[in-house]
């Protein structure tokens, strides 16, 4: 259905308009006052944390940022499109992870939410009697099977990666009631200090509800990091033993593994392969539910510089060296990432490529952020069932010359052909300086984007108004009026996606910055500031 029809359906279900949402079906403004200007209906999903002091059970390290959210995930129940399930990090630590993961369910299309917990860490019910006996949790990911079973994946850990006494696990919990309640988590893998499990995702097979795939990178030292994989063939009753499906070698690691399922039950794992001085987006394929895998195919090299405050040089921890993946009708695969190639290495834009042959070959990357003259970062791509492509991202076009703030906006661009895009303003400008500092100003290494049949559902984090470090996760309903878009300075503007200009090459300094970004990304994965 079209966006306007979807909002009408929400109204019929009892939903209200933008400005704020609440747990338990209530409505409250975000802490610190109203959010920054939004061009669309917006609902706050995350809630202030109520964890008891010392709930993680270990001496504190780093700085705890209470009332912060990061790295949201969003899923739509295919059996009931007004049932949305969301998740995010609650109370981010400066040196990695969060006290717990927030979970919430909506049964009116996202207008009101009921919050819940799963025992992914001690602050949310983990203890010595279940698999969640860990101090922190992070990297939450959601998926829903064709029969409506919801799966949530968490990286849960105690202690800094690969240090003596540390441990980590990939945990999965299920919900059979649309995200209201959750099972005790199942451990797909548990490791001590000799390995660290990182950056997972989970994907239900859209053609067979029995199969669900989980994938992550497993750091096995200061350099190595193969892709690890686990699958259930009986809807989560049991999981096959986790195993390596691709090892890039001792001096390389994978990162940001994501699985998608194509027509014909072809399963793809799309990931970044980080070497000492290079980053590649790559893909491997399986035609037997993950029993065997092909050799890797290179999607593209990645050339991100990373985002910095243009006035102070402060680092933004963004989606550098990660890719976002979605599959459209007919099995066309789309991948988006942050890249500096379009400006000759001066600033990052948003790149997109696609494959129409199952990931065997890929198109020339094109730039899909509307304003090419400012830094753009942390893209998320999603393709609706009608084939319309959507990409959300942040940029700094409304930032000022003042070093006292870092004004940031969130945007959605859409296209029915991958060539002509229309831009919509979602929210901002908000002050990114009020984000938690977790090896850089941090809203998340990724955000979320889902859809109903004819409407996109961006789910992302922004800082709150005021002067305190605070952030929340918001869902938007992009059906903006022309007047609202004009006020945002982007009245439904259209633009053409463009490949990098012929002959443009980065300077040696820009190439060095790309290498430094790769090294920083590798260090961040091992929680080494």
Protein backbone atom coordinates (compact mmCIF):
# COMPACT_ATOMS: atom_id res chain seq x y z
CA UNK A 1 0.00 0.00 0.00
CA UNK A 2 1.14 3.60 -0.48
CA UNK A 3 2.55 5.63 2.41
CA UNK A 4 -0.63 7.67 2.84
CA UNK A 5 -2.76 4.53 2.91
CA UNK A 6 -0.44 3.03 5.51
CA UNK A 7 -0.81 6.06 7.78
CA UNK A 8 -4.59 5.85 7.34
CA UNK A 9 -4.43 2.20 8.40
CA UNK A 10 -2.44 3.19 11.48
CA UNK A 11 -5.04 5.78 12.38
CA UNK A 12 -7.76 3.16 12.05
CA UNK A 13 -5.73 0.95 14.42
CA UNK A 14 -5.67 3.73 17.01
CA UNK A 15 -2.24 5.20 16.27
CA UNK A 16 -1.47 8.84 16.88
CA UNK A 17 0.78 11.29 15.09
CA UNK A 18 4.54 11.85 15.42
CA UNK A 19 6.19 13.66 18.41
CA UNK A 20 6.74 10.74 20.74
CA UNK A 21 5.87 7.16 21.55
CA UNK A 22 5.89 5.24 24.77
CA UNK A 23 6.28 1.79 26.21
CA UNK A 24 3.13 -0.04 27.16
CA UNK A 25 1.09 1.82 24.56
CA UNK A 26 1.60 5.21 26.22
CA UNK A 27 3.00 8.42 24.84
CA UNK A 28 5.69 10.64 26.30
CA UNK A 29 8.12 13.23 24.94
CA UNK A 30 11.78 12.34 24.82
CA UNK A 31 13.83 13.30 27.87
CA UNK A 32 15.31 16.77 27.74
CA UNK A 33 12.48 18.28 25.72
CA UNK A 34 11.03 17.73 22.23
CA UNK A 35 13.19 16.22 19.50
CA UNK A 36 14.72 18.40 16.79
CA UNK A 37 12.57 19.40 13.85
CA UNK A 38 11.21 16.45 11.89
CA UNK A 39 9.67 16.53 8.43
CA UNK A 40 7.64 13.36 8.93
CA UNK A 41 5.61 11.64 11.62
CA UNK A 42 8.11 10.41 14.21
CA UNK A 43 7.69 8.18 17.27
CA UNK A 44 10.27 7.61 19.98
CA UNK A 45 10.61 3.89 20.69
CA UNK A 46 13.45 3.62 23.21
CA UNK A 47 12.76 4.32 26.87
CA UNK A 48 14.93 5.53 29.76
CA UNK A 49 16.79 2.60 31.30
CA UNK A 50 15.82 1.42 34.77
CA UNK A 51 18.76 -0.89 35.46
CA UNK A 52 19.85 -1.22 39.07
CA UNK A 53 23.35 0.03 39.97
CA UNK A 54 25.99 -2.65 39.56
CA UNK A 55 23.63 -5.00 37.75
CA UNK A 56 26.43 -6.12 35.42
CA UNK A 57 28.27 -7.75 38.32
CA UNK A 58 31.82 -6.59 37.53
CA UNK A 59 33.90 -3.53 38.40
CA UNK A 60 33.17 -0.68 36.03
CA UNK A 61 35.61 0.20 33.26
CA UNK A 62 35.14 3.13 30.96
CA UNK A 63 32.32 5.68 31.13
CA UNK A 64 28.68 4.59 31.33
CA UNK A 65 26.33 6.81 29.33
CA UNK A 66 22.90 6.31 30.88
CA UNK A 67 19.77 7.07 28.86
CA UNK A 68 21.51 6.45 25.55
CA UNK A 69 20.47 4.20 22.67
CA UNK A 70 22.59 2.87 19.81
CA UNK A 71 22.53 0.46 16.85
CA UNK A 72 18.81 -0.22 16.38
CA UNK A 73 17.23 -3.16 14.56
CA UNK A 74 13.69 -3.41 13.18
CA UNK A 75 11.64 -6.28 11.75
CA UNK A 76 8.13 -6.53 10.32
CA UNK A 77 6.02 -9.63 10.95
CA UNK A 78 5.05 -11.00 7.50
CA UNK A 79 1.91 -12.57 8.97
CA UNK A 80 0.73 -9.19 10.32
CA UNK A 81 2.39 -6.06 8.89
CA UNK A 82 1.20 -3.85 11.75
CA UNK A 83 3.25 -6.01 14.15
CA UNK A 84 6.71 -4.43 14.31
CA UNK A 85 9.55 -5.62 16.53
CA UNK A 86 12.47 -3.38 17.47
CA UNK A 87 15.69 -3.62 19.45
CA UNK A 88 18.58 -1.35 20.42
CA UNK A 89 21.47 -0.99 22.84
CA UNK A 90 20.56 0.54 26.22
CA UNK A 91 23.16 2.53 28.17
CA UNK A 92 26.29 2.46 26.05
CA UNK A 93 29.75 2.10 27.61
CA UNK A 94 32.64 4.16 26.26
CA UNK A 95 34.87 1.08 25.95
CA UNK A 96 32.39 -1.18 24.17
CA UNK A 97 28.93 -2.71 24.48
CA UNK A 98 25.96 -1.69 26.60
CA UNK A 99 24.45 -2.67 29.93
CA UNK A 100 21.60 -4.35 28.10
CA UNK A 101 19.50 -4.57 24.97
CA UNK A 102 16.09 -2.97 24.72
CA UNK A 103 13.31 -4.86 22.95
CA UNK A 104 9.85 -3.59 22.05
CA UNK A 105 6.78 -4.68 20.09
CA UNK A 106 4.09 -2.68 18.34
CA UNK A 107 0.74 -3.98 17.14
CA UNK A 108 -0.50 -0.77 15.54
CA UNK A 109 2.19 -0.24 12.91
CA UNK A 110 4.67 1.52 15.18
CA UNK A 111 2.57 4.24 16.81
CA UNK A 112 2.71 2.71 20.30
CA UNK A 113 5.17 0.22 21.77
CA UNK A 114 5.42 -2.27 24.61
CA UNK A 115 8.94 -2.83 25.92
CA UNK A 116 10.36 -6.16 27.06
CA UNK A 117 13.65 -7.88 27.92
CA UNK A 118 15.53 -11.02 26.98
CA UNK A 119 18.27 -12.44 29.21
CA UNK A 120 21.13 -11.36 26.97
CA UNK A 121 23.10 -9.76 29.84
CA UNK A 122 22.98 -9.70 33.62
CA UNK A 123 21.14 -6.37 33.64
CA UNK A 124 18.26 -7.92 31.67
CA UNK A 125 18.00 -11.30 33.42
CA UNK A 126 21.17 -13.19 32.55
CA UNK A 127 22.59 -15.24 35.41
CA UNK A 128 24.54 -18.40 36.19
CA UNK A 129 21.45 -20.47 35.50
CA UNK A 130 21.07 -19.43 31.87
CA UNK A 131 23.19 -18.57 28.83
CA UNK A 132 23.07 -14.81 29.45
CA UNK A 133 25.54 -14.60 32.33
CA UNK A 134 27.53 -11.73 30.76
CA UNK A 135 28.24 -8.16 31.83
CA UNK A 136 27.40 -6.46 28.53
CA UNK A 137 25.50 -6.95 25.29
CA UNK A 138 25.73 -5.33 21.86
CA UNK A 139 25.12 -5.76 18.10
CA UNK A 140 21.48 -6.83 18.39
CA UNK A 141 19.84 -8.11 15.18
CA UNK A 142 16.23 -9.18 14.49
CA UNK A 143 14.52 -11.38 11.92
CA UNK A 144 11.05 -12.92 11.54
CA UNK A 145 10.24 -16.26 9.92
CA UNK A 146 7.42 -16.71 7.37
CA UNK A 147 5.26 -18.10 10.20
CA UNK A 148 5.80 -15.07 12.45
CA UNK A 149 8.42 -16.44 14.87
CA UNK A 150 10.80 -13.64 15.89
CA UNK A 151 14.50 -14.30 16.46
CA UNK A 152 16.88 -11.89 18.22
CA UNK A 153 20.67 -12.29 18.10
CA UNK A 154 23.02 -10.73 20.66
CA UNK A 155 26.75 -10.52 21.09
CA UNK A 156 27.12 -10.87 24.88
CA UNK A 157 30.48 -10.54 26.59
CA UNK A 158 32.44 -9.86 29.76
CA UNK A 159 35.81 -8.09 29.74
CA UNK A 160 37.81 -6.53 26.92
CA UNK A 161 38.26 -8.64 23.80
CA UNK A 162 41.06 -11.22 23.95
CA UNK A 163 42.26 -10.14 27.39
CA UNK A 164 42.75 -12.58 30.26
CA UNK A 165 39.49 -13.43 31.98
CA UNK A 166 37.29 -12.24 29.13
CA UNK A 167 34.51 -14.25 27.47
CA UNK A 168 31.96 -13.80 24.69
CA UNK A 169 29.00 -15.58 23.13
CA UNK A 170 26.47 -15.31 20.34
CA UNK A 171 23.02 -15.79 21.87
CA UNK A 172 19.62 -16.29 20.21
CA UNK A 173 16.20 -15.80 21.81
CA UNK A 174 12.78 -16.46 20.24
CA UNK A 175 9.39 -14.80 20.56
CA UNK A 176 6.16 -16.53 19.55
CA UNK A 177 3.86 -13.63 20.45
CA UNK A 178 5.10 -10.86 18.19
CA UNK A 179 7.91 -9.66 20.45
CA UNK A 180 6.03 -9.33 23.75
CA UNK A 181 7.89 -12.12 25.53
CA UNK A 182 11.15 -13.94 24.83
CA UNK A 183 12.57 -17.39 25.44
CA UNK A 184 15.67 -18.08 27.47
CA UNK A 185 18.58 -17.50 25.07
CA UNK A 186 20.39 -20.34 23.33
CA UNK A 187 24.18 -20.06 22.97
CA UNK A 188 25.38 -20.64 19.40
CA UNK A 189 28.99 -20.34 20.56
CA UNK A 190 30.78 -19.47 23.79
CA UNK A 191 34.45 -18.54 23.98
CA UNK A 192 36.98 -17.55 26.63
CA UNK A 193 39.80 -15.07 26.14
CA UNK A 194 41.40 -16.96 23.24
CA UNK A 195 38.71 -15.78 20.78
CA UNK A 196 36.15 -12.99 20.55
CA UNK A 197 32.84 -13.27 18.68
CA UNK A 198 31.78 -10.02 17.03
CA UNK A 199 29.28 -8.20 14.83
CA UNK A 200 26.64 -10.85 14.10
CA UNK A 201 23.43 -10.89 12.11
CA UNK A 202 20.54 -13.34 11.82
CA UNK A 203 18.29 -14.05 8.84
CA UNK A 204 15.20 -16.22 8.58
CA UNK A 205 14.80 -18.12 5.32
CA UNK A 206 11.92 -16.38 3.59
CA UNK A 207 10.95 -19.56 1.73
CA UNK A 208 11.20 -22.16 4.53
CA UNK A 209 10.33 -21.32 8.14
CA UNK A 210 12.48 -24.19 9.44
CA UNK A 211 15.74 -22.52 8.41
CA UNK A 212 17.30 -19.56 10.20
CA UNK A 213 20.90 -18.50 9.58
CA UNK A 214 23.27 -16.69 11.97
CA UNK A 215 26.67 -15.38 10.97
CA UNK A 216 29.42 -13.32 12.62
CA UNK A 217 33.19 -12.83 12.65
CA UNK A 218 35.25 -14.64 15.26
CA UNK A 219 38.46 -12.85 16.16
CA UNK A 220 41.13 -15.43 16.88
CA UNK A 221 44.01 -13.11 17.72
CA UNK A 222 45.27 -9.66 16.95
CA UNK A 223 44.99 -10.27 13.20
CA UNK A 224 42.78 -13.26 12.27
CA UNK A 225 38.98 -13.26 12.01
CA UNK A 226 37.05 -15.84 9.93
CA UNK A 227 33.30 -15.80 9.24
CA UNK A 228 31.46 -18.15 11.59
CA UNK A 229 28.04 -19.63 10.87
CA UNK A 230 25.27 -21.51 12.64
CA UNK A 231 21.95 -22.74 11.23
CA UNK A 232 18.77 -24.27 12.56
CA UNK A 233 16.78 -26.63 10.32
CA UNK A 234 13.90 -27.07 12.78
CA UNK A 235 12.76 -23.52 13.56
CA UNK A 236 15.14 -23.01 16.45
CA UNK A 237 14.54 -26.22 18.39
CA UNK A 238 18.21 -27.08 17.88
CA UNK A 239 21.13 -25.37 16.16
CA UNK A 240 23.95 -27.04 14.28
CA UNK A 241 27.41 -26.51 15.76
CA UNK A 242 28.95 -23.18 14.82
CA UNK A 243 31.78 -23.40 12.30
CA UNK A 244 33.99 -21.33 10.04
CA UNK A 245 32.68 -20.86 6.49
CA UNK A 246 35.33 -18.44 5.20
CA UNK A 247 38.79 -17.64 6.54
CA UNK A 248 40.60 -14.75 4.82
CA UNK A 249 43.94 -15.67 6.39
CA UNK A 250 46.07 -14.81 9.36
CA UNK A 251 46.56 -11.13 8.53
CA UNK A 252 42.92 -10.42 7.58
CA UNK A 253 39.46 -10.59 9.10
CA UNK A 254 35.85 -10.43 7.99
CA UNK A 255 33.41 -7.89 9.40
CA UNK A 256 29.70 -7.11 9.14
CA UNK A 257 28.62 -10.51 7.80
CA UNK A 258 24.98 -10.40 6.62
CA UNK A 259 22.97 -13.20 5.03
CA UNK A 260 20.22 -12.87 2.45
CA UNK A 261 18.17 -15.54 0.68
CA UNK A 262 17.53 -15.42 -3.07
CA UNK A 263 14.83 -17.18 -5.10
CA UNK A 264 15.72 -20.84 -5.46
CA UNK A 265 16.97 -20.88 -1.85
CA UNK A 266 20.41 -19.55 -2.67
CA UNK A 267 21.93 -18.15 0.54
CA UNK A 268 24.51 -15.36 0.36
CA UNK A 269 26.89 -14.08 3.02
CA UNK A 270 27.97 -10.52 2.21
CA UNK A 271 30.78 -9.06 4.30
CA UNK A 272 33.81 -6.80 4.43
CA UNK A 273 37.24 -8.38 4.24
CA UNK A 274 39.76 -6.20 6.06
CA UNK A 275 43.42 -6.63 5.23
CA UNK A 276 46.31 -4.66 6.64
CA UNK A 277 45.88 -1.86 4.08
CA UNK A 278 42.76 -2.75 2.06
CA UNK A 279 39.05 -3.29 2.51
CA UNK A 280 36.89 -5.31 0.10
CA UNK A 281 33.17 -6.01 0.04
CA UNK A 282 32.87 -9.73 -0.79
CA UNK A 283 30.20 -12.41 -1.07
CA UNK A 284 30.09 -16.20 -0.77
CA UNK A 285 27.18 -18.41 -1.88
CA UNK A 286 25.50 -21.61 -0.71
CA UNK A 287 22.87 -23.67 -2.52
CA UNK A 288 22.40 -26.27 0.25
CA UNK A 289 21.30 -24.24 3.30
CA UNK A 290 24.87 -23.46 4.29
CA UNK A 291 26.36 -26.96 4.17
CA UNK A 292 28.92 -25.86 1.56
CA UNK A 293 30.06 -22.46 0.34
CA UNK A 294 31.59 -21.04 -2.82
CA UNK A 295 34.84 -19.18 -3.16
CA UNK A 296 34.45 -15.42 -2.52
CA UNK A 297 33.45 -12.94 -5.21
CA UNK A 298 34.56 -9.33 -4.81
CA UNK A 299 31.73 -6.80 -4.89
CA UNK A 300 33.93 -3.70 -4.73
CA UNK A 301 36.85 -2.20 -2.91
CA UNK A 302 35.90 0.18 -0.10
CA UNK A 303 37.47 3.63 0.29
CA UNK A 304 35.99 5.29 3.39
CA UNK A 305 37.77 8.10 5.17
CA UNK A 306 35.44 8.19 8.15
CA UNK A 307 33.53 11.22 9.42
CA UNK A 308 35.03 14.01 11.51
CA UNK A 309 33.76 17.28 12.91
CA UNK A 310 34.96 19.84 10.31
CA UNK A 311 35.50 22.44 13.06
CA UNK A 312 37.20 20.43 15.80
CA UNK A 313 38.41 17.25 14.11
CA UNK A 314 36.47 15.11 16.61
CA UNK A 315 35.99 11.57 15.30
CA UNK A 316 32.52 10.24 14.52
CA UNK A 317 32.30 6.47 14.90
CA UNK A 318 30.20 5.71 11.83
CA UNK A 319 29.58 2.86 9.38
CA UNK A 320 33.04 3.00 7.81
CA UNK A 321 34.18 -0.34 6.34
CA UNK A 322 30.73 -1.91 6.76
CA UNK A 323 28.17 -2.66 4.05
CA UNK A 324 24.38 -2.78 4.11
CA UNK A 325 22.57 -5.42 2.02
CA UNK A 326 19.03 -5.98 0.73
CA UNK A 327 17.33 -8.16 -1.89
CA UNK A 328 14.60 -6.90 -4.19
CA UNK A 329 12.07 -8.59 -6.47
CA UNK A 330 13.59 -11.11 -8.83
CA UNK A 331 16.54 -11.66 -6.52
CA UNK A 332 18.38 -8.44 -7.41
CA UNK A 333 20.88 -7.74 -4.62
CA UNK A 334 21.73 -4.21 -3.55
CA UNK A 335 24.71 -3.20 -1.41
CA UNK A 336 25.41 0.27 0.02
CA UNK A 337 28.37 1.65 1.94
CA UNK A 338 30.30 4.80 2.86
CA UNK A 339 32.99 5.78 0.33
CA UNK A 340 35.23 8.69 -0.68
CA UNK A 341 35.80 7.72 -4.33
CA UNK A 342 33.25 10.18 -5.69
CA UNK A 343 35.13 13.20 -4.33
CA UNK A 344 38.64 12.01 -5.09
CA UNK A 345 39.27 11.23 -1.45
CA UNK A 346 38.07 14.53 0.06
CA UNK A 347 34.95 13.30 1.89
CA UNK A 348 32.71 10.25 2.19
CA UNK A 349 29.52 9.87 0.21
CA UNK A 350 27.11 6.94 -0.06
CA UNK A 351 27.90 4.27 -2.67
CA UNK A 352 25.51 1.68 -4.08
CA UNK A 353 25.96 -1.31 -6.39
CA UNK A 354 23.71 -4.18 -7.46
CA UNK A 355 23.86 -7.69 -8.88
CA UNK A 356 21.22 -9.30 -11.10
CA UNK A 357 22.93 -12.69 -11.40
CA UNK A 358 22.97 -13.95 -7.84
CA UNK A 359 26.07 -12.08 -6.73
CA UNK A 360 28.40 -13.35 -9.45
CA UNK A 361 28.95 -9.90 -10.99
CA UNK A 362 28.31 -6.36 -9.79
CA UNK A 363 27.55 -2.98 -11.33
CA UNK A 364 29.84 0.04 -11.16
CA UNK A 365 29.20 1.79 -7.81
CA UNK A 366 27.19 5.00 -7.98
CA UNK A 367 26.75 7.83 -5.50
CA UNK A 368 23.24 8.03 -4.01
CA UNK A 369 23.43 10.77 -1.35
CA UNK A 370 21.71 13.93 -2.53
CA UNK A 371 24.28 16.54 -1.47
CA UNK A 372 27.73 15.46 -2.72
CA UNK A 373 29.48 18.46 -1.15
CA UNK A 374 29.18 17.40 2.49
CA UNK A 375 30.17 14.35 4.52
CA UNK A 376 27.54 11.58 4.43
CA UNK A 377 27.77 8.45 6.56
CA UNK A 378 26.23 5.24 7.97
CA UNK A 379 23.93 4.17 5.11
CA UNK A 380 21.21 1.55 5.43
CA UNK A 381 19.61 0.07 2.32
CA UNK A 382 16.28 -1.75 1.97
CA UNK A 383 14.22 -2.73 -1.07
CA UNK A 384 10.43 -2.92 -0.78
CA UNK A 385 8.36 -5.73 -2.23
CA UNK A 386 7.34 -3.40 -5.09
CA UNK A 387 11.01 -2.89 -6.05
CA UNK A 388 11.45 0.64 -4.73
CA UNK A 389 14.94 1.15 -3.27
CA UNK A 390 15.36 3.11 -0.05
CA UNK A 391 18.59 4.32 1.57
CA UNK A 392 18.84 6.22 4.85
CA UNK A 393 21.96 8.04 5.99
CA UNK A 394 23.20 11.01 8.00
CA UNK A 395 24.96 14.09 6.66
CA UNK A 396 26.39 17.41 7.85
CA UNK A 397 24.91 19.85 5.33
CA UNK A 398 23.29 21.98 8.05
CA UNK A 399 26.32 22.11 10.33
CA UNK A 400 27.54 25.57 11.29
CA UNK A 401 31.00 27.02 11.80
CA UNK A 402 30.59 26.84 15.57
CA UNK A 403 32.83 24.30 17.35
CA UNK A 404 30.21 24.09 20.13
CA UNK A 405 27.97 21.68 18.21
CA UNK A 406 27.98 19.19 15.33
CA UNK A 407 24.64 19.61 13.59
CA UNK A 408 23.51 16.46 11.81
CA UNK A 409 20.45 15.44 9.77
CA UNK A 410 18.96 12.10 8.80
CA UNK A 411 17.71 11.54 5.24
CA UNK A 412 15.89 8.98 3.11
CA UNK A 413 16.41 8.69 -0.64
CA UNK A 414 14.20 6.45 -2.78
CA UNK A 415 14.30 5.20 -6.35
CA UNK A 416 12.28 2.85 -8.54
CA UNK A 417 15.07 2.36 -11.08
CA UNK A 418 18.37 2.89 -9.22
CA UNK A 419 19.09 5.94 -11.38
CA UNK A 420 16.71 8.73 -10.42
CA UNK A 421 16.37 9.29 -6.67
CA UNK A 422 14.05 11.45 -4.59
CA UNK A 423 15.24 12.85 -1.28
CA UNK A 424 13.14 13.15 1.89
CA UNK A 425 14.22 14.82 5.11
CA UNK A 426 13.60 12.67 8.17
CA UNK A 427 14.98 14.58 11.13
CA UNK A 428 17.43 17.20 12.31
CA UNK A 429 19.52 19.09 12.64
CA UNK A 430 20.38 17.53 15.99
CA UNK A 431 23.66 17.92 17.87
CA UNK A 432 25.86 14.87 17.34
CA UNK A 433 28.20 16.18 20.04
CA UNK A 434 25.58 14.91 22.54
CA UNK A 435 26.12 11.29 21.44
CA UNK A 436 28.09 8.95 23.71
CA UNK A 437 31.82 8.88 23.01
CA UNK A 438 32.64 5.22 22.33
CA UNK A 439 35.90 5.47 20.40
CA UNK A 440 34.18 8.32 18.55
CA UNK A 441 30.77 10.00 18.71
CA UNK A 442 28.50 6.98 18.48
CA UNK A 443 24.95 6.46 17.25
CA UNK A 444 25.83 3.02 15.93
CA UNK A 445 27.91 1.26 13.31
CA UNK A 446 24.58 0.69 11.56
CA UNK A 447 20.94 1.84 11.67
CA UNK A 448 17.76 0.08 10.49
CA UNK A 449 15.30 0.35 7.60
CA UNK A 450 12.28 -1.90 6.95
CA UNK A 451 9.02 -1.56 5.04
CA UNK A 452 5.46 -2.65 4.59
CA UNK A 453 4.25 -3.38 1.07
CA UNK A 454 4.37 0.26 0.02
CA UNK A 455 5.87 2.31 2.84
CA UNK A 456 9.38 2.61 4.24
CA UNK A 457 9.95 2.47 8.00
CA UNK A 458 13.27 4.14 8.96
CA UNK A 459 14.43 3.28 12.49
CA UNK A 460 17.46 5.21 13.66
CA UNK A 461 19.13 6.93 16.60
CA UNK A 462 19.48 10.66 17.15
CA UNK A 463 20.55 12.75 20.13
CA UNK A 464 17.97 14.48 22.30
CA UNK A 465 17.54 18.21 22.79
CA UNK A 466 19.29 19.85 25.73
CA UNK A 467 22.88 19.83 26.91
CA UNK A 468 23.26 16.30 28.34
CA UNK A 469 24.64 13.25 26.51
CA UNK A 470 21.43 11.45 25.58
CA UNK A 471 20.13 9.61 22.55
CA UNK A 472 17.01 7.69 21.56
CA UNK A 473 15.79 5.38 18.81
CA UNK A 474 12.99 6.75 16.64
CA UNK A 475 10.77 5.27 13.94
CA UNK A 476 9.56 7.51 11.12
CA UNK A 477 6.62 7.35 8.74
CA UNK A 478 7.78 9.13 5.57
CA UNK A 479 4.67 10.66 4.05
CA UNK A 480 5.79 14.30 4.20
CA UNK A 481 3.83 17.21 2.84
CA UNK A 482 5.40 19.53 0.29
CA UNK A 483 5.31 22.32 2.89
CA UNK A 484 7.21 20.24 5.43
CA UNK A 485 9.83 19.32 2.88
CA UNK A 486 10.21 22.94 1.81
CA UNK A 487 10.76 23.89 5.44
CA UNK A 488 13.51 21.26 5.63
CA UNK A 489 15.15 22.72 2.55
CA UNK A 490 14.56 19.59 0.45
CA UNK A 491 11.16 19.80 -1.21
CA UNK A 492 11.13 16.30 -2.61
CA UNK A 493 14.28 17.08 -4.58
CA UNK A 494 15.24 14.58 -7.28
CA UNK A 495 18.75 13.81 -8.47
CA UNK A 496 20.62 11.33 -10.61
CA UNK A 497 22.94 8.69 -9.20
CA UNK A 498 26.44 9.21 -10.57
CA UNK A 499 29.52 7.03 -10.94
CA UNK A 500 32.86 8.47 -9.86
CA UNK A 501 34.15 10.91 -12.49
CA UNK A 502 36.58 9.36 -14.95
CA UNK A 503 40.20 10.07 -14.16
CA UNK A 504 39.61 11.24 -10.61
CA UNK A 505 42.13 9.71 -8.22
CA UNK A 506 42.70 10.21 -4.51
CA UNK A 507 45.82 11.99 -3.38
CA UNK A 508 48.52 10.04 -1.50
CA UNK A 509 47.28 11.73 1.65
CA UNK A 510 43.72 10.53 1.02
CA UNK A 511 44.94 6.99 0.36
CA UNK A 512 46.81 7.10 3.65
CA UNK A 513 43.63 8.24 5.44
CA UNK A 514 41.79 5.22 3.99
CA UNK A 515 44.51 2.93 5.35
CA UNK A 516 44.35 4.66 8.73
CA UNK A 517 40.57 4.17 8.78
CA UNK A 518 41.03 0.44 8.10
CA UNK A 519 43.50 0.19 10.97
CA UNK A 520 41.15 2.11 13.26
CA UNK A 521 38.25 -0.18 12.36
CA UNK A 522 40.33 -3.26 13.14
CA UNK A 523 41.40 -1.75 16.45
CA UNK A 524 37.82 -0.86 17.39
CA UNK A 525 36.72 -4.44 16.82
CA UNK A 526 39.21 -5.54 19.46
CA UNK A 527 38.04 -2.78 21.80
CA UNK A 528 41.37 -1.05 21.64
CA UNK A 529 40.89 2.74 21.58
